[in-house]
């Protein structure tokens, strides 16, 4: 999957799913649901899955050289 297609897919899901901050304020009694599709409006939150993928690809490229 290319970066552009992944970004367009993320934008699609962000239209359907509330950001985590809004879900917690609207449904305070509901336990936090752990899922692959979770996003935050805050710019300081790091997406660990993307970070790990990028780090893994950087490491594999370094080993090939």
PDB file of N, CA and C in Angstrom:
ATOM      1  N   UNK A   1       0.853  -1.173   0.000  1.00  0.00           N
ATOM      2  CA  UNK A   1       0.000   0.000   0.000  1.00  0.00           C
ATOM      3  C   UNK A   1       0.897   1.232   0.000  1.00  0.00           C
ATOM      4  N   UNK A   2       0.617   2.144  -0.871  1.00  0.00           N
ATOM      5  CA  UNK A   2       1.433   3.356  -0.943  1.00  0.00           C
ATOM      6  C   UNK A   2       1.035   4.338   0.146  1.00  0.00           C
ATOM      7  N   UNK A   3       1.888   5.313   0.364  1.00  0.00           N
ATOM      8  CA  UNK A   3       1.620   6.307   1.407  1.00  0.00           C
ATOM      9  C   UNK A   3       0.378   7.126   1.072  1.00  0.00           C
ATOM     10  N   UNK A   4       0.181   7.449  -0.205  1.00  0.00           N
ATOM     11  CA  UNK A   4      -0.984   8.253  -0.606  1.00  0.00           C
ATOM     12  C   UNK A   4      -2.274   7.478  -0.393  1.00  0.00           C
ATOM     13  N   UNK A   5      -2.286   6.194  -0.736  1.00  0.00           N
ATOM     14  CA  UNK A   5      -3.507   5.409  -0.550  1.00  0.00           C
ATOM     15  C   UNK A   5      -3.789   5.179   0.927  1.00  0.00           C
ATOM     16  N   UNK A   6      -2.731   5.009   1.727  1.00  0.00           N
ATOM     17  CA  UNK A   6      -2.925   4.842   3.169  1.00  0.00           C
ATOM     18  C   UNK A   6      -3.495   6.120   3.779  1.00  0.00           C
ATOM     19  N   UNK A   7      -3.019   7.269   3.319  1.00  0.00           N
ATOM     20  CA  UNK A   7      -3.524   8.545   3.834  1.00  0.00           C
ATOM     21  C   UNK A   7      -4.983   8.747   3.443  1.00  0.00           C
ATOM     22  N   UNK A   8      -5.357   8.396   2.218  1.00  0.00           N
ATOM     23  CA  UNK A   8      -6.752   8.550   1.810  1.00  0.00           C
ATOM     24  C   UNK A   8      -7.651   7.587   2.584  1.00  0.00           C
ATOM     25  N   UNK A   9      -7.146   6.390   2.884  1.00  0.00           N
ATOM     26  CA  UNK A   9      -7.919   5.445   3.696  1.00  0.00           C
ATOM     27  C   UNK A   9      -8.096   5.988   5.112  1.00  0.00           C
ATOM     28  N   UNK A  10      -7.039   6.564   5.684  1.00  0.00           N
ATOM     29  CA  UNK A  10      -7.139   7.157   7.016  1.00  0.00           C
ATOM     30  C   UNK A  10      -8.147   8.300   7.031  1.00  0.00           C
ATOM     31  N   UNK A  11      -8.142   9.124   6.007  1.00  0.00           N
ATOM     32  CA  UNK A  11      -9.106  10.226   5.928  1.00  0.00           C
ATOM     33  C   UNK A  11     -10.534   9.699   5.853  1.00  0.00           C
ATOM     34  N   UNK A  12     -10.742   8.623   5.120  1.00  0.00           N
ATOM     35  CA  UNK A  12     -12.069   8.012   5.029  1.00  0.00           C
ATOM     36  C   UNK A  12     -12.549   7.557   6.407  1.00  0.00           C
ATOM     37  N   UNK A  13     -11.702   6.829   7.133  1.00  0.00           N
ATOM     38  CA  UNK A  13     -12.098   6.329   8.445  1.00  0.00           C
ATOM     39  C   UNK A  13     -12.276   7.451   9.452  1.00  0.00           C
ATOM     40  N   UNK A  14     -11.520   8.529   9.324  1.00  0.00           N
ATOM     41  CA  UNK A  14     -11.672   9.649  10.249  1.00  0.00           C
ATOM     42  C   UNK A  14     -13.009  10.351  10.081  1.00  0.00           C
ATOM     43  N   UNK A  15     -13.615  10.247   8.905  1.00  0.00           N
ATOM     44  CA  UNK A  15     -14.956  10.806   8.708  1.00  0.00           C
ATOM     45  C   UNK A  15     -16.019   9.951   9.398  1.00  0.00           C
ATOM     46  N   UNK A  16     -15.739   8.664   9.566  1.00  0.00           N
ATOM     47  CA  UNK A  16     -16.721   7.750  10.156  1.00  0.00           C
ATOM     48  C   UNK A  16     -16.575   7.573  11.662  1.00  0.00           C
ATOM     49  N   UNK A  17     -15.361   7.701  12.171  1.00  0.00           N
ATOM     50  CA  UNK A  17     -15.084   7.401  13.576  1.00  0.00           C
ATOM     51  C   UNK A  17     -14.733   8.687  14.322  1.00  0.00           C
ATOM     52  N   UNK A  18     -15.353   8.850  15.490  1.00  0.00           N
ATOM     53  CA  UNK A  18     -15.064  10.024  16.315  1.00  0.00           C
ATOM     54  C   UNK A  18     -13.640   9.966  16.844  1.00  0.00           C
ATOM     55  N   UNK A  19     -13.011  11.119  17.018  1.00  0.00           N
ATOM     56  CA  UNK A  19     -11.693  11.111  17.655  1.00  0.00           C
ATOM     57  C   UNK A  19     -11.811  10.632  19.102  1.00  0.00           C
ATOM     58  N   UNK A  20     -10.745  10.068  19.603  1.00  0.00           N
ATOM     59  CA  UNK A  20     -10.743   9.488  20.946  1.00  0.00           C
ATOM     60  C   UNK A  20     -11.134  10.506  22.015  1.00  0.00           C
ATOM     61  N   UNK A  21     -10.688  11.748  21.874  1.00  0.00           N
ATOM     62  CA  UNK A  21     -11.034  12.777  22.866  1.00  0.00           C
ATOM     63  C   UNK A  21     -12.548  12.999  22.925  1.00  0.00           C
ATOM     64  N   UNK A  22     -13.205  13.043  21.771  1.00  0.00           N
ATOM     65  CA  UNK A  22     -14.653  13.241  21.729  1.00  0.00           C
ATOM     66  C   UNK A  22     -15.405  12.031  22.267  1.00  0.00           C
ATOM     67  N   UNK A  23     -14.942  10.844  21.925  1.00  0.00           N
ATOM     68  CA  UNK A  23     -15.615   9.631  22.420  1.00  0.00           C
ATOM     69  C   UNK A  23     -15.568   9.565  23.933  1.00  0.00           C
ATOM     70  N   UNK A  24     -14.438   9.910  24.518  1.00  0.00           N
ATOM     71  CA  UNK A  24     -14.318   9.848  25.983  1.00  0.00           C
ATOM     72  C   UNK A  24     -15.182  10.897  26.668  1.00  0.00           C
ATOM     73  N   UNK A  25     -15.357  12.071  26.037  1.00  0.00           N
ATOM     74  CA  UNK A  25     -16.192  13.102  26.655  1.00  0.00           C
ATOM     75  C   UNK A  25     -17.683  12.811  26.459  1.00  0.00           C
ATOM     76  N   UNK A  26     -18.060  12.218  25.331  1.00  0.00           N
ATOM     77  CA  UNK A  26     -19.470  11.909  25.073  1.00  0.00           C
ATOM     78  C   UNK A  26     -19.938  10.663  25.804  1.00  0.00           C
ATOM     79  N   UNK A  27     -19.053   9.687  25.972  1.00  0.00           N
ATOM     80  CA  UNK A  27     -19.398   8.415  26.605  1.00  0.00           C
ATOM     81  C   UNK A  27     -18.427   8.117  27.739  1.00  0.00           C
ATOM     82  N   UNK A  28     -18.522   8.869  28.848  1.00  0.00           N
ATOM     83  CA  UNK A  28     -17.524   8.717  29.920  1.00  0.00           C
ATOM     84  C   UNK A  28     -17.569   7.364  30.628  1.00  0.00           C
ATOM     85  N   UNK A  29     -18.727   6.719  30.690  1.00  0.00           N
ATOM     86  CA  UNK A  29     -18.835   5.437  31.380  1.00  0.00           C
ATOM     87  C   UNK A  29     -18.385   4.267  30.545  1.00  0.00           C
ATOM     88  N   UNK A  30     -18.233   4.485  29.247  1.00  0.00           N
ATOM     89  CA  UNK A  30     -17.860   3.392  28.366  1.00  0.00           C
ATOM     90  C   UNK A  30     -16.355   3.128  28.444  1.00  0.00           C
ATOM     91  N   UNK A  31     -16.013   1.870  28.582  1.00  0.00           N
ATOM     92  CA  UNK A  31     -14.589   1.516  28.641  1.00  0.00           C
ATOM     93  C   UNK A  31     -13.940   1.816  27.293  1.00  0.00           C
ATOM     94  N   UNK A  32     -12.696   2.168  27.323  1.00  0.00           N
ATOM     95  CA  UNK A  32     -11.973   2.468  26.093  1.00  0.00           C
ATOM     96  C   UNK A  32     -11.878   1.200  25.247  1.00  0.00           C
ATOM     97  N   UNK A  33     -12.302   1.301  24.028  1.00  0.00           N
ATOM     98  CA  UNK A  33     -12.284   0.172  23.108  1.00  0.00           C
ATOM     99  C   UNK A  33     -10.948   0.179  22.379  1.00  0.00           C
ATOM    100  N   UNK A  34     -10.266  -0.935  22.439  1.00  0.00           N
ATOM    101  CA  UNK A  34      -8.985  -1.045  21.743  1.00  0.00           C
ATOM    102  C   UNK A  34      -9.266  -1.581  20.352  1.00  0.00           C
ATOM    103  N   UNK A  35      -8.925  -0.795  19.358  1.00  0.00           N
ATOM    104  CA  UNK A  35      -9.144  -1.224  17.979  1.00  0.00           C
ATOM    105  C   UNK A  35      -8.048  -0.660  17.101  1.00  0.00           C
ATOM    106  N   UNK A  36      -7.983  -1.146  15.904  1.00  0.00           N
ATOM    107  CA  UNK A  36      -6.981  -0.654  14.955  1.00  0.00           C
ATOM    108  C   UNK A  36      -7.362   0.730  14.457  1.00  0.00           C
ATOM    109  N   UNK A  37      -8.630   1.040  14.436  1.00  0.00           N
ATOM    110  CA  UNK A  37      -9.098   2.327  13.928  1.00  0.00           C
ATOM    111  C   UNK A  37      -9.402   3.261  15.084  1.00  0.00           C
ATOM    112  N   UNK A  38      -8.376   3.923  15.556  1.00  0.00           N
ATOM    113  CA  UNK A  38      -8.527   4.893  16.634  1.00  0.00           C
ATOM    114  C   UNK A  38      -7.645   6.067  16.275  1.00  0.00           C
ATOM    115  N   UNK A  39      -8.173   7.258  16.402  1.00  0.00           N
ATOM    116  CA  UNK A  39      -7.365   8.422  16.048  1.00  0.00           C
ATOM    117  C   UNK A  39      -7.608   9.532  17.038  1.00  0.00           C
ATOM    118  N   UNK A  40      -6.657  10.463  17.094  1.00  0.00           N
ATOM    119  CA  UNK A  40      -6.703  11.574  18.019  1.00  0.00           C
ATOM    120  C   UNK A  40      -6.612  12.878  17.240  1.00  0.00           C
ATOM    121  N   UNK A  41      -7.362  13.844  17.674  1.00  0.00           N
ATOM    122  CA  UNK A  41      -7.331  15.160  17.042  1.00  0.00           C
ATOM    123  C   UNK A  41      -6.056  15.917  17.400  1.00  0.00           C
ATOM    124  N   UNK A  42      -5.502  15.616  18.564  1.00  0.00           N
ATOM    125  CA  UNK A  42      -4.308  16.304  19.048  1.00  0.00           C
ATOM    126  C   UNK A  42      -3.110  16.020  18.139  1.00  0.00           C
ATOM    127  N   UNK A  43      -2.351  17.067  17.775  1.00  0.00           N
ATOM    128  CA  UNK A  43      -1.206  16.853  16.890  1.00  0.00           C
ATOM    129  C   UNK A  43      -0.002  16.211  17.584  1.00  0.00           C
ATOM    130  N   UNK A  44       0.009  16.175  18.913  1.00  0.00           N
ATOM    131  CA  UNK A  44       1.182  15.651  19.619  1.00  0.00           C
ATOM    132  C   UNK A  44       1.105  14.159  19.896  1.00  0.00           C
ATOM    133  N   UNK A  45       0.075  13.465  19.402  1.00  0.00           N
ATOM    134  CA  UNK A  45      -0.049  12.031  19.613  1.00  0.00           C
ATOM    135  C   UNK A  45       0.646  11.309  18.463  1.00  0.00           C
ATOM    136  N   UNK A  46       1.529  10.378  18.790  1.00  0.00           N
ATOM    137  CA  UNK A  46       2.276   9.633  17.784  1.00  0.00           C
ATOM    138  C   UNK A  46       1.561   8.322  17.498  1.00  0.00           C
ATOM    139  N   UNK A  47       1.332   8.034  16.225  1.00  0.00           N
ATOM    140  CA  UNK A  47       0.738   6.771  15.819  1.00  0.00           C
ATOM    141  C   UNK A  47       1.830   5.704  15.893  1.00  0.00           C
ATOM    142  N   UNK A  48       1.759   4.839  16.901  1.00  0.00           N
ATOM    143  CA  UNK A  48       2.826   3.870  17.124  1.00  0.00           C
ATOM    144  C   UNK A  48       2.951   2.859  16.002  1.00  0.00           C
ATOM    145  N   UNK A  49       1.830   2.480  15.388  1.00  0.00           N
ATOM    146  CA  UNK A  49       1.910   1.524  14.292  1.00  0.00           C
ATOM    147  C   UNK A  49       2.689   2.098  13.119  1.00  0.00           C
ATOM    148  N   UNK A  50       2.423   3.350  12.780  1.00  0.00           N
ATOM    149  CA  UNK A  50       3.167   3.981  11.688  1.00  0.00           C
ATOM    150  C   UNK A  50       4.631   4.161  12.062  1.00  0.00           C
ATOM    151  N   UNK A  51       4.877   4.540  13.301  1.00  0.00           N
ATOM    152  CA  UNK A  51       6.248   4.721  13.766  1.00  0.00           C
ATOM    153  C   UNK A  51       7.020   3.405  13.667  1.00  0.00           C
ATOM    154  N   UNK A  52       6.407   2.318  14.121  1.00  0.00           N
ATOM    155  CA  UNK A  52       7.081   1.015  14.094  1.00  0.00           C
ATOM    156  C   UNK A  52       7.308   0.541  12.664  1.00  0.00           C
ATOM    157  N   UNK A  53       6.306   0.751  11.778  1.00  0.00           N
ATOM    158  CA  UNK A  53       6.484   0.363  10.372  1.00  0.00           C
ATOM    159  C   UNK A  53       7.624   1.148   9.741  1.00  0.00           C
ATOM    160  N   UNK A  54       7.645   2.457   9.980  1.00  0.00           N
ATOM    161  CA  UNK A  54       8.688   3.301   9.405  1.00  0.00           C
ATOM    162  C   UNK A  54      10.058   2.907   9.949  1.00  0.00           C
ATOM    163  N   UNK A  55      10.103   2.640  11.241  1.00  0.00           N
ATOM    164  CA  UNK A  55      11.374   2.249  11.857  1.00  0.00           C
ATOM    165  C   UNK A  55      11.851   0.907  11.299  1.00  0.00           C
ATOM    166  N   UNK A  56      10.912  -0.031  11.123  1.00  0.00           N
ATOM    167  CA  UNK A  56      11.273  -1.340  10.570  1.00  0.00           C
ATOM    168  C   UNK A  56      11.759  -1.211   9.132  1.00  0.00           C
ATOM    169  N   UNK A  57      11.101  -0.364   8.339  1.00  0.00           N
ATOM    170  CA  UNK A  57      11.532  -0.197   6.946  1.00  0.00           C
ATOM    171  C   UNK A  57      12.875   0.517   6.879  1.00  0.00           C
ATOM    172  N   UNK A  58      13.111   1.465   7.782  1.00  0.00           N
ATOM    173  CA  UNK A  58      14.406   2.142   7.817  1.00  0.00           C
ATOM    174  C   UNK A  58      15.522   1.156   8.181  1.00  0.00           C
ATOM    175  N   UNK A  59      15.234   0.264   9.115  1.00  0.00           N
ATOM    176  CA  UNK A  59      16.232  -0.721   9.523  1.00  0.00           C
ATOM    177  C   UNK A  59      16.518  -1.714   8.409  1.00  0.00           C
ATOM    178  N   UNK A  60      15.472  -2.133   7.685  1.00  0.00           N
ATOM    179  CA  UNK A  60      15.690  -3.098   6.609  1.00  0.00           C
ATOM    180  C   UNK A  60      16.455  -2.459   5.444  1.00  0.00           C
ATOM    181  N   UNK A  61      16.222  -1.183   5.183  1.00  0.00           N
ATOM    182  CA  UNK A  61      16.959  -0.499   4.120  1.00  0.00           C
ATOM    183  C   UNK A  61      18.419  -0.331   4.512  1.00  0.00           C
ATOM    184  N   UNK A  62      18.683  -0.079   5.779  1.00  0.00           N
ATOM    185  CA  UNK A  62      20.054   0.077   6.253  1.00  0.00           C
ATOM    186  C   UNK A  62      20.834  -1.228   6.187  1.00  0.00           C
ATOM    187  N   UNK A  63      20.153  -2.348   6.374  1.00  0.00           N
ATOM    188  CA  UNK A  63      20.823  -3.632   6.327  1.00  0.00           C
ATOM    189  C   UNK A  63      21.155  -4.054   4.894  1.00  0.00           C
ATOM    190  N   UNK A  64      20.363  -3.566   3.922  1.00  0.00           N
ATOM    191  CA  UNK A  64      20.591  -3.931   2.532  1.00  0.00           C
ATOM    192  C   UNK A  64      21.818  -3.219   1.955  1.00  0.00           C
ATOM    193  N   UNK A  65      22.150  -2.055   2.489  1.00  0.00           N
ATOM    194  CA  UNK A  65      23.263  -1.265   1.940  1.00  0.00           C
ATOM    195  C   UNK A  65      24.616  -1.835   2.273  1.00  0.00           C
TER     196      UNK A  65
END
